[in-house]
N, C-alpha and C. Protein backbone atom coordinates (compact mmCIF):
# COMPACT_ATOMS: atom_id res chain seq x y z
N MET A 1 -123.82 -233.49 146.56
CA MET A 1 -124.79 -232.65 145.91
C MET A 1 -124.76 -231.27 146.55
N LYS A 2 -124.76 -230.26 145.73
CA LYS A 2 -124.74 -228.88 146.19
C LYS A 2 -126.09 -228.23 145.88
N LEU A 3 -126.72 -227.68 146.89
CA LEU A 3 -128.00 -227.00 146.69
C LEU A 3 -127.74 -225.59 146.18
N LYS A 4 -128.41 -225.24 145.11
CA LYS A 4 -128.27 -223.90 144.53
C LYS A 4 -129.65 -223.47 144.03
N ALA A 5 -130.11 -222.28 144.43
CA ALA A 5 -131.44 -221.82 144.03
C ALA A 5 -131.52 -220.31 144.08
N ASN A 6 -132.56 -219.79 143.52
CA ASN A 6 -132.88 -218.36 143.59
C ASN A 6 -134.21 -218.21 144.31
N TRP A 7 -134.33 -217.16 145.09
CA TRP A 7 -135.55 -216.90 145.83
C TRP A 7 -135.81 -215.40 145.78
N SER A 8 -137.00 -215.02 145.40
CA SER A 8 -137.32 -213.60 145.33
C SER A 8 -138.75 -213.34 145.75
N TYR A 9 -138.92 -212.68 146.86
CA TYR A 9 -140.22 -212.22 147.31
C TYR A 9 -140.08 -210.73 147.59
N PRO A 10 -140.11 -209.93 146.57
CA PRO A 10 -139.87 -208.49 146.77
C PRO A 10 -141.09 -207.76 147.32
N THR A 11 -141.61 -208.23 148.44
CA THR A 11 -142.81 -207.64 149.02
C THR A 11 -142.42 -206.63 150.10
N LEU A 12 -142.83 -205.41 149.92
CA LEU A 12 -142.60 -204.37 150.93
C LEU A 12 -143.63 -204.56 152.04
N VAL A 13 -143.17 -204.64 153.26
CA VAL A 13 -144.06 -204.83 154.40
C VAL A 13 -143.90 -203.63 155.32
N LYS A 14 -145.03 -203.00 155.64
CA LYS A 14 -145.04 -201.88 156.58
C LYS A 14 -145.98 -202.26 157.71
N PHE A 15 -145.55 -202.03 158.94
CA PHE A 15 -146.38 -202.39 160.06
C PHE A 15 -146.21 -201.39 161.19
N GLY A 16 -147.17 -201.41 162.11
CA GLY A 16 -147.11 -200.54 163.27
C GLY A 16 -148.48 -199.95 163.55
N ALA A 17 -148.65 -199.53 164.78
CA ALA A 17 -149.92 -198.95 165.21
C ALA A 17 -150.26 -197.72 164.37
N GLY A 18 -151.49 -197.64 163.91
CA GLY A 18 -151.97 -196.48 163.18
C GLY A 18 -151.61 -196.43 161.70
N ARG A 19 -150.93 -197.42 161.19
CA ARG A 19 -150.47 -197.38 159.80
C ARG A 19 -151.63 -197.44 158.80
N ILE A 20 -152.82 -197.85 159.25
CA ILE A 20 -153.97 -197.89 158.33
C ILE A 20 -154.27 -196.48 157.81
N SER A 21 -153.88 -195.46 158.54
CA SER A 21 -154.11 -194.08 158.09
C SER A 21 -153.34 -193.77 156.81
N GLU A 22 -152.35 -194.60 156.45
CA GLU A 22 -151.55 -194.41 155.25
C GLU A 22 -152.06 -195.19 154.04
N LEU A 23 -153.19 -195.87 154.20
CA LEU A 23 -153.68 -196.77 153.16
C LEU A 23 -153.85 -196.09 151.80
N ALA A 24 -154.45 -194.93 151.77
CA ALA A 24 -154.64 -194.24 150.49
C ALA A 24 -153.30 -193.90 149.84
N ASP A 25 -152.33 -193.50 150.64
CA ASP A 25 -151.00 -193.20 150.11
C ASP A 25 -150.35 -194.45 149.52
N HIS A 26 -150.51 -195.57 150.19
CA HIS A 26 -149.93 -196.82 149.68
C HIS A 26 -150.60 -197.24 148.37
N CYS A 27 -151.90 -197.00 148.28
CA CYS A 27 -152.59 -197.29 147.02
C CYS A 27 -152.04 -196.43 145.89
N ARG A 28 -151.91 -195.15 146.15
CA ARG A 28 -151.37 -194.27 145.10
C ARG A 28 -149.96 -194.68 144.70
N THR A 29 -149.13 -195.05 145.66
CA THR A 29 -147.77 -195.51 145.36
C THR A 29 -147.80 -196.74 144.45
N ALA A 30 -148.79 -197.60 144.64
CA ALA A 30 -148.93 -198.81 143.81
C ALA A 30 -149.60 -198.51 142.48
N GLY A 31 -150.01 -197.25 142.26
CA GLY A 31 -150.65 -196.88 141.01
C GLY A 31 -152.15 -197.10 141.00
N ILE A 32 -152.75 -197.19 142.17
CA ILE A 32 -154.19 -197.43 142.29
C ILE A 32 -154.91 -196.13 142.60
N ALA A 33 -155.87 -195.78 141.75
CA ALA A 33 -156.69 -194.59 141.97
C ALA A 33 -158.14 -194.94 142.29
N ARG A 34 -158.58 -196.13 141.86
CA ARG A 34 -159.96 -196.58 142.09
C ARG A 34 -159.95 -198.03 142.59
N PRO A 35 -159.57 -198.25 143.85
CA PRO A 35 -159.44 -199.62 144.35
C PRO A 35 -160.78 -200.30 144.61
N LEU A 36 -160.79 -201.60 144.42
CA LEU A 36 -161.88 -202.43 144.91
C LEU A 36 -161.37 -203.03 146.22
N PHE A 37 -162.06 -202.73 147.30
CA PHE A 37 -161.72 -203.20 148.63
C PHE A 37 -162.34 -204.59 148.79
N VAL A 38 -161.51 -205.62 148.93
CA VAL A 38 -162.00 -207.00 149.01
C VAL A 38 -161.80 -207.51 150.43
N THR A 39 -162.89 -207.93 151.06
CA THR A 39 -162.85 -208.47 152.41
C THR A 39 -163.91 -209.56 152.55
N ASP A 40 -163.95 -210.18 153.71
CA ASP A 40 -164.96 -211.23 153.90
C ASP A 40 -166.21 -210.66 154.55
N ARG A 41 -167.25 -211.47 154.54
CA ARG A 41 -168.54 -211.02 155.07
C ARG A 41 -168.47 -210.66 156.55
N GLY A 42 -167.66 -211.40 157.32
CA GLY A 42 -167.54 -211.13 158.75
C GLY A 42 -166.91 -209.79 159.05
N LEU A 43 -165.93 -209.40 158.28
CA LEU A 43 -165.27 -208.11 158.50
C LEU A 43 -166.03 -206.94 157.89
N ALA A 44 -166.88 -207.21 156.93
CA ALA A 44 -167.53 -206.15 156.15
C ALA A 44 -168.25 -205.11 157.00
N THR A 45 -168.81 -205.51 158.12
CA THR A 45 -169.61 -204.58 158.93
C THR A 45 -168.91 -204.11 160.20
N LEU A 46 -167.64 -204.46 160.36
CA LEU A 46 -166.94 -204.10 161.59
C LEU A 46 -166.31 -202.70 161.52
N PRO A 47 -166.13 -202.07 162.66
CA PRO A 47 -165.53 -200.73 162.69
C PRO A 47 -164.14 -200.66 162.04
N ILE A 48 -163.34 -201.70 162.17
CA ILE A 48 -162.00 -201.68 161.57
C ILE A 48 -162.09 -201.52 160.05
N THR A 49 -163.09 -202.13 159.46
CA THR A 49 -163.29 -202.04 158.01
C THR A 49 -163.82 -200.66 157.64
N ALA A 50 -164.76 -200.15 158.42
CA ALA A 50 -165.28 -198.80 158.17
C ALA A 50 -164.15 -197.78 158.23
N ARG A 51 -163.24 -197.96 159.19
CA ARG A 51 -162.10 -197.03 159.31
C ARG A 51 -161.22 -197.07 158.07
N ALA A 52 -160.92 -198.27 157.57
CA ALA A 52 -160.09 -198.40 156.37
C ALA A 52 -160.80 -197.77 155.16
N LEU A 53 -162.09 -198.00 155.04
CA LEU A 53 -162.85 -197.39 153.93
C LEU A 53 -162.91 -195.88 154.07
N ASP A 54 -163.03 -195.37 155.30
CA ASP A 54 -163.00 -193.92 155.53
C ASP A 54 -161.68 -193.31 155.06
N VAL A 55 -160.58 -194.02 155.33
CA VAL A 55 -159.25 -193.54 154.91
C VAL A 55 -159.18 -193.47 153.38
N LEU A 56 -159.68 -194.49 152.72
CA LEU A 56 -159.68 -194.48 151.25
C LEU A 56 -160.53 -193.34 150.71
N GLU A 57 -161.72 -193.18 151.28
CA GLU A 57 -162.62 -192.12 150.81
C GLU A 57 -162.03 -190.73 151.07
N ALA A 58 -161.46 -190.52 152.23
CA ALA A 58 -160.84 -189.23 152.55
C ALA A 58 -159.67 -188.94 151.62
N GLY A 59 -159.03 -189.99 151.14
CA GLY A 59 -157.91 -189.83 150.21
C GLY A 59 -158.34 -189.71 148.76
N GLY A 60 -159.65 -189.64 148.53
CA GLY A 60 -160.16 -189.46 147.17
C GLY A 60 -160.20 -190.73 146.34
N LEU A 61 -160.16 -191.90 147.00
CA LEU A 61 -160.12 -193.17 146.26
C LEU A 61 -161.44 -193.94 146.32
N GLY A 62 -162.48 -193.35 146.87
CA GLY A 62 -163.77 -194.02 146.95
C GLY A 62 -163.82 -195.03 148.08
N ARG A 63 -164.93 -195.77 148.14
CA ARG A 63 -165.09 -196.78 149.18
C ARG A 63 -165.83 -198.01 148.67
N ALA A 64 -165.51 -198.42 147.45
CA ALA A 64 -166.15 -199.59 146.85
C ALA A 64 -165.66 -200.86 147.52
N MET A 65 -166.62 -201.70 147.95
CA MET A 65 -166.27 -202.91 148.68
C MET A 65 -166.93 -204.13 148.05
N PHE A 66 -166.17 -205.22 148.00
CA PHE A 66 -166.70 -206.53 147.63
C PHE A 66 -166.42 -207.45 148.81
N SER A 67 -167.47 -208.06 149.36
CA SER A 67 -167.30 -208.92 150.53
C SER A 67 -167.83 -210.34 150.30
N GLY A 68 -167.98 -210.74 149.07
CA GLY A 68 -168.48 -212.07 148.77
C GLY A 68 -167.38 -213.12 148.82
N VAL A 69 -166.75 -213.23 149.98
CA VAL A 69 -165.64 -214.16 150.15
C VAL A 69 -166.06 -215.27 151.11
N ASP A 70 -166.07 -216.50 150.62
CA ASP A 70 -166.35 -217.64 151.48
C ASP A 70 -165.11 -218.01 152.28
N ALA A 71 -165.29 -218.80 153.34
CA ALA A 71 -164.16 -219.23 154.16
C ALA A 71 -163.13 -220.00 153.33
N ASN A 72 -163.59 -220.70 152.33
CA ASN A 72 -162.72 -221.36 151.35
C ASN A 72 -163.13 -220.77 150.00
N PRO A 73 -162.47 -219.71 149.54
CA PRO A 73 -162.91 -219.00 148.34
C PRO A 73 -163.03 -219.93 147.13
N THR A 74 -164.06 -219.67 146.35
CA THR A 74 -164.35 -220.50 145.18
C THR A 74 -164.20 -219.69 143.90
N ASP A 75 -164.20 -220.42 142.80
CA ASP A 75 -164.17 -219.76 141.50
C ASP A 75 -165.43 -218.91 141.30
N THR A 76 -166.53 -219.28 141.92
CA THR A 76 -167.75 -218.48 141.85
C THR A 76 -167.53 -217.15 142.56
N ASN A 77 -166.92 -217.18 143.75
CA ASN A 77 -166.58 -215.93 144.45
C ASN A 77 -165.70 -215.06 143.57
N MET A 78 -164.72 -215.68 142.90
CA MET A 78 -163.81 -214.94 142.04
C MET A 78 -164.55 -214.27 140.89
N GLU A 79 -165.45 -215.01 140.25
CA GLU A 79 -166.20 -214.44 139.12
C GLU A 79 -167.07 -213.27 139.59
N GLU A 80 -167.67 -213.40 140.77
CA GLU A 80 -168.47 -212.30 141.32
C GLU A 80 -167.60 -211.09 141.61
N GLY A 81 -166.40 -211.33 142.13
CA GLY A 81 -165.45 -210.25 142.40
C GLY A 81 -164.99 -209.59 141.11
N LEU A 82 -164.73 -210.38 140.08
CA LEU A 82 -164.34 -209.83 138.79
C LEU A 82 -165.44 -208.97 138.19
N THR A 83 -166.69 -209.41 138.36
CA THR A 83 -167.83 -208.62 137.88
C THR A 83 -167.88 -207.28 138.60
N ALA A 84 -167.70 -207.29 139.91
CA ALA A 84 -167.71 -206.04 140.69
C ALA A 84 -166.55 -205.14 140.27
N TYR A 85 -165.38 -205.72 140.04
CA TYR A 85 -164.20 -204.95 139.63
C TYR A 85 -164.46 -204.25 138.30
N ARG A 86 -164.95 -205.00 137.35
CA ARG A 86 -165.21 -204.42 136.02
C ARG A 86 -166.33 -203.38 136.07
N ALA A 87 -167.40 -203.69 136.79
CA ALA A 87 -168.55 -202.78 136.86
C ALA A 87 -168.16 -201.45 137.50
N GLY A 88 -167.22 -201.48 138.43
CA GLY A 88 -166.81 -200.26 139.12
C GLY A 88 -165.68 -199.51 138.45
N GLY A 89 -165.17 -200.05 137.35
CA GLY A 89 -164.06 -199.40 136.66
C GLY A 89 -162.81 -199.30 137.54
N HIS A 90 -162.56 -200.31 138.34
CA HIS A 90 -161.44 -200.29 139.28
C HIS A 90 -160.11 -200.51 138.57
N ASP A 91 -159.05 -200.07 139.21
CA ASP A 91 -157.71 -200.21 138.64
C ASP A 91 -156.72 -200.86 139.60
N GLY A 92 -157.23 -201.46 140.66
CA GLY A 92 -156.41 -202.15 141.63
C GLY A 92 -157.26 -202.71 142.75
N VAL A 93 -156.62 -203.44 143.64
CA VAL A 93 -157.33 -204.15 144.69
C VAL A 93 -156.68 -203.86 146.04
N VAL A 94 -157.52 -203.62 147.05
CA VAL A 94 -157.07 -203.61 148.43
C VAL A 94 -157.59 -204.91 149.04
N ALA A 95 -156.68 -205.78 149.43
CA ALA A 95 -157.01 -207.06 150.06
C ALA A 95 -157.00 -206.83 151.57
N PHE A 96 -158.12 -207.11 152.23
CA PHE A 96 -158.27 -206.76 153.64
C PHE A 96 -158.87 -207.94 154.40
N GLY A 97 -158.11 -208.51 155.32
CA GLY A 97 -158.66 -209.60 156.12
C GLY A 97 -157.67 -210.70 156.36
N GLY A 98 -158.21 -211.90 156.51
CA GLY A 98 -157.40 -213.09 156.71
C GLY A 98 -157.05 -213.73 155.38
N GLY A 99 -156.55 -214.94 155.46
CA GLY A 99 -156.06 -215.62 154.27
C GLY A 99 -157.08 -215.76 153.15
N SER A 100 -158.32 -216.05 153.48
CA SER A 100 -159.34 -216.23 152.43
C SER A 100 -159.58 -214.95 151.65
N ALA A 101 -159.75 -213.85 152.35
CA ALA A 101 -159.97 -212.56 151.66
C ALA A 101 -158.75 -212.16 150.84
N LEU A 102 -157.56 -212.34 151.42
CA LEU A 102 -156.34 -211.97 150.71
C LEU A 102 -156.14 -212.86 149.49
N ASP A 103 -156.39 -214.16 149.62
CA ASP A 103 -156.25 -215.06 148.48
C ASP A 103 -157.22 -214.69 147.36
N LEU A 104 -158.48 -214.45 147.72
CA LEU A 104 -159.46 -214.12 146.68
C LEU A 104 -159.12 -212.78 146.02
N ALA A 105 -158.68 -211.82 146.80
CA ALA A 105 -158.30 -210.52 146.23
C ALA A 105 -157.17 -210.69 145.23
N LYS A 106 -156.19 -211.54 145.56
CA LYS A 106 -155.09 -211.80 144.63
C LYS A 106 -155.60 -212.46 143.35
N MET A 107 -156.57 -213.36 143.47
CA MET A 107 -157.13 -214.02 142.30
C MET A 107 -157.88 -213.03 141.41
N ILE A 108 -158.59 -212.11 142.02
CA ILE A 108 -159.30 -211.08 141.25
C ILE A 108 -158.28 -210.23 140.50
N ALA A 109 -157.24 -209.80 141.20
CA ALA A 109 -156.21 -208.97 140.55
C ALA A 109 -155.52 -209.74 139.42
N LEU A 110 -155.26 -211.00 139.63
CA LEU A 110 -154.62 -211.83 138.61
C LEU A 110 -155.49 -212.01 137.39
N MET A 111 -156.76 -212.33 137.59
CA MET A 111 -157.61 -212.80 136.50
C MET A 111 -158.39 -211.71 135.77
N ILE A 112 -158.16 -210.46 136.09
CA ILE A 112 -158.96 -209.39 135.49
C ILE A 112 -158.91 -209.40 133.97
N ASP A 113 -157.81 -209.82 133.39
CA ASP A 113 -157.72 -209.82 131.92
C ASP A 113 -156.72 -210.88 131.44
N GLN A 114 -156.89 -212.11 131.90
CA GLN A 114 -155.98 -213.18 131.49
C GLN A 114 -156.52 -213.92 130.27
N PRO A 115 -155.62 -214.42 129.42
CA PRO A 115 -156.04 -215.12 128.21
C PRO A 115 -156.39 -216.59 128.45
N VAL A 116 -156.19 -217.08 129.68
CA VAL A 116 -156.45 -218.49 130.00
C VAL A 116 -157.30 -218.58 131.27
N PRO A 117 -157.99 -219.71 131.45
CA PRO A 117 -158.75 -219.90 132.69
C PRO A 117 -157.83 -219.98 133.91
N VAL A 118 -158.35 -219.66 135.07
CA VAL A 118 -157.56 -219.67 136.29
C VAL A 118 -156.93 -221.03 136.54
N TRP A 119 -157.62 -222.10 136.17
CA TRP A 119 -157.11 -223.45 136.43
C TRP A 119 -155.87 -223.76 135.59
N ASP A 120 -155.65 -223.02 134.53
CA ASP A 120 -154.44 -223.19 133.71
C ASP A 120 -153.24 -222.45 134.29
N LEU A 121 -153.44 -221.78 135.42
CA LEU A 121 -152.36 -221.03 136.05
C LEU A 121 -151.96 -221.62 137.39
N GLU A 122 -152.36 -222.86 137.63
CA GLU A 122 -151.99 -223.53 138.87
C GLU A 122 -150.47 -223.49 139.05
N ASP A 123 -150.04 -223.41 140.29
CA ASP A 123 -148.60 -223.29 140.59
C ASP A 123 -147.91 -224.65 140.40
N VAL A 124 -147.81 -225.03 139.13
CA VAL A 124 -147.17 -226.29 138.74
C VAL A 124 -146.12 -225.98 137.68
N GLY A 125 -144.91 -226.44 137.91
CA GLY A 125 -143.86 -226.24 136.91
C GLY A 125 -143.78 -224.79 136.46
N ASP A 126 -143.81 -224.61 135.15
CA ASP A 126 -143.73 -223.25 134.57
C ASP A 126 -145.08 -222.74 134.07
N TRP A 127 -146.17 -223.25 134.64
CA TRP A 127 -147.50 -222.81 134.22
C TRP A 127 -147.70 -221.30 134.41
N TYR A 128 -146.95 -220.70 135.33
CA TYR A 128 -147.06 -219.26 135.55
C TYR A 128 -146.75 -218.47 134.29
N LEU A 129 -146.00 -219.07 133.38
CA LEU A 129 -145.66 -218.38 132.13
C LEU A 129 -146.87 -218.19 131.23
N ARG A 130 -147.95 -218.89 131.51
CA ARG A 130 -149.18 -218.76 130.73
C ARG A 130 -149.91 -217.44 131.04
N ALA A 131 -149.60 -216.85 132.18
CA ALA A 131 -150.26 -215.60 132.58
C ALA A 131 -149.63 -214.41 131.87
N ASN A 132 -150.46 -213.44 131.58
CA ASN A 132 -149.98 -212.18 131.04
C ASN A 132 -149.72 -211.27 132.24
N ALA A 133 -148.46 -211.15 132.63
CA ALA A 133 -148.09 -210.37 133.82
C ALA A 133 -148.47 -208.90 133.68
N ALA A 134 -148.52 -208.40 132.46
CA ALA A 134 -148.82 -206.99 132.24
C ALA A 134 -150.26 -206.62 132.61
N THR A 135 -151.15 -207.61 132.70
CA THR A 135 -152.55 -207.31 133.00
C THR A 135 -152.93 -207.56 134.45
N ILE A 136 -151.98 -207.96 135.27
CA ILE A 136 -152.29 -208.19 136.68
C ILE A 136 -152.45 -206.84 137.37
N ALA A 137 -153.58 -206.66 138.03
CA ALA A 137 -153.87 -205.39 138.71
C ALA A 137 -153.00 -205.27 139.97
N PRO A 138 -152.61 -204.04 140.32
CA PRO A 138 -151.83 -203.86 141.54
C PRO A 138 -152.66 -204.17 142.79
N ILE A 139 -151.95 -204.58 143.83
CA ILE A 139 -152.61 -204.99 145.08
C ILE A 139 -151.91 -204.33 146.26
N VAL A 140 -152.70 -203.89 147.22
CA VAL A 140 -152.20 -203.51 148.54
C VAL A 140 -152.91 -204.44 149.50
N ALA A 141 -152.14 -205.20 150.29
CA ALA A 141 -152.71 -206.17 151.21
C ALA A 141 -152.62 -205.68 152.64
N VAL A 142 -153.74 -205.81 153.36
CA VAL A 142 -153.81 -205.43 154.76
C VAL A 142 -154.30 -206.66 155.54
N PRO A 143 -153.36 -207.42 156.11
CA PRO A 143 -153.78 -208.59 156.87
C PRO A 143 -154.36 -208.18 158.23
N THR A 144 -155.44 -208.83 158.62
CA THR A 144 -156.05 -208.55 159.92
C THR A 144 -155.86 -209.71 160.88
N THR A 145 -155.17 -210.74 160.43
CA THR A 145 -154.85 -211.89 161.27
C THR A 145 -153.36 -212.20 161.09
N ALA A 146 -152.83 -213.00 161.97
CA ALA A 146 -151.44 -213.43 161.85
C ALA A 146 -151.42 -214.92 161.52
N GLY A 147 -150.54 -215.30 160.63
CA GLY A 147 -150.37 -216.73 160.43
C GLY A 147 -150.43 -217.24 159.01
N THR A 148 -151.26 -216.68 158.15
CA THR A 148 -151.38 -217.27 156.82
C THR A 148 -150.22 -216.85 155.92
N GLY A 149 -149.73 -215.64 156.08
CA GLY A 149 -148.66 -215.14 155.22
C GLY A 149 -149.13 -214.82 153.82
N SER A 150 -150.41 -214.83 153.59
CA SER A 150 -150.95 -214.59 152.26
C SER A 150 -150.59 -213.20 151.74
N GLU A 151 -150.35 -212.26 152.64
CA GLU A 151 -150.02 -210.90 152.22
C GLU A 151 -148.66 -210.80 151.54
N VAL A 152 -147.80 -211.78 151.73
CA VAL A 152 -146.48 -211.71 151.11
C VAL A 152 -146.24 -212.78 150.06
N GLY A 153 -147.16 -213.71 149.92
CA GLY A 153 -147.00 -214.78 148.94
C GLY A 153 -147.63 -214.45 147.61
N ARG A 154 -147.13 -215.09 146.57
CA ARG A 154 -147.67 -214.83 145.23
C ARG A 154 -148.90 -215.67 144.93
N ALA A 155 -149.09 -216.77 145.63
CA ALA A 155 -150.15 -217.71 145.31
C ALA A 155 -151.40 -217.44 146.14
N GLY A 156 -152.50 -217.99 145.68
CA GLY A 156 -153.75 -217.96 146.41
C GLY A 156 -154.44 -219.30 146.23
N ILE A 157 -155.20 -219.71 147.22
CA ILE A 157 -155.92 -220.98 147.13
C ILE A 157 -157.35 -220.70 146.72
N LEU A 158 -157.82 -221.48 145.76
CA LEU A 158 -159.16 -221.32 145.22
C LEU A 158 -159.80 -222.70 145.11
N THR A 159 -161.07 -222.82 145.50
CA THR A 159 -161.77 -224.08 145.40
C THR A 159 -162.58 -224.10 144.11
N ASN A 160 -162.44 -225.18 143.36
CA ASN A 160 -163.20 -225.39 142.14
C ASN A 160 -164.60 -225.82 142.56
N SER A 161 -165.61 -225.02 142.25
CA SER A 161 -166.96 -225.30 142.71
C SER A 161 -167.56 -226.52 142.03
N ALA A 162 -167.04 -226.93 140.88
CA ALA A 162 -167.55 -228.12 140.19
C ALA A 162 -166.96 -229.40 140.77
N THR A 163 -165.66 -229.38 141.07
CA THR A 163 -164.98 -230.60 141.54
C THR A 163 -164.74 -230.61 143.04
N HIS A 164 -164.93 -229.46 143.68
CA HIS A 164 -164.71 -229.29 145.13
C HIS A 164 -163.25 -229.56 145.52
N THR A 165 -162.34 -229.30 144.61
CA THR A 165 -160.91 -229.45 144.90
C THR A 165 -160.28 -228.06 145.04
N LYS A 166 -159.30 -227.99 145.93
CA LYS A 166 -158.57 -226.74 146.13
C LYS A 166 -157.31 -226.78 145.29
N LYS A 167 -157.03 -225.65 144.67
CA LYS A 167 -155.82 -225.55 143.86
C LYS A 167 -155.13 -224.25 144.21
């Protein structure tokens, strides 16, 4: 048996001390002019978050933040994030934090205008074809922890609040 496959993760990764000062530029490169900054409640009040929001504001991109992220993000968190995204007239997402914040930010960007429920887009077989790729909002991810890899992966984990199952 011969193994043959294709693999594509075309994620640009930039790292190094002080790179947060480039956040507004990275948003503009991604086509984002009015980002929704998505982080968790623990990071929401810390100086590192204030610094990132200051960079966005100084770059003319505002400082709108959604921090309703549970440790295990739920569909309820996602719906609240989608409401904030729509209410603010946002055109992209800055995902800031650990795996939970990054996963929820990706779900918000994915679901902003999909024709099917999130549960119909589970990473099973070719279910991804059900998504309208043209409506996925651009994302800039800023991981604040090491280990989850959520900043480079396409998937996010979401807990169904009715069944308490993670998908």
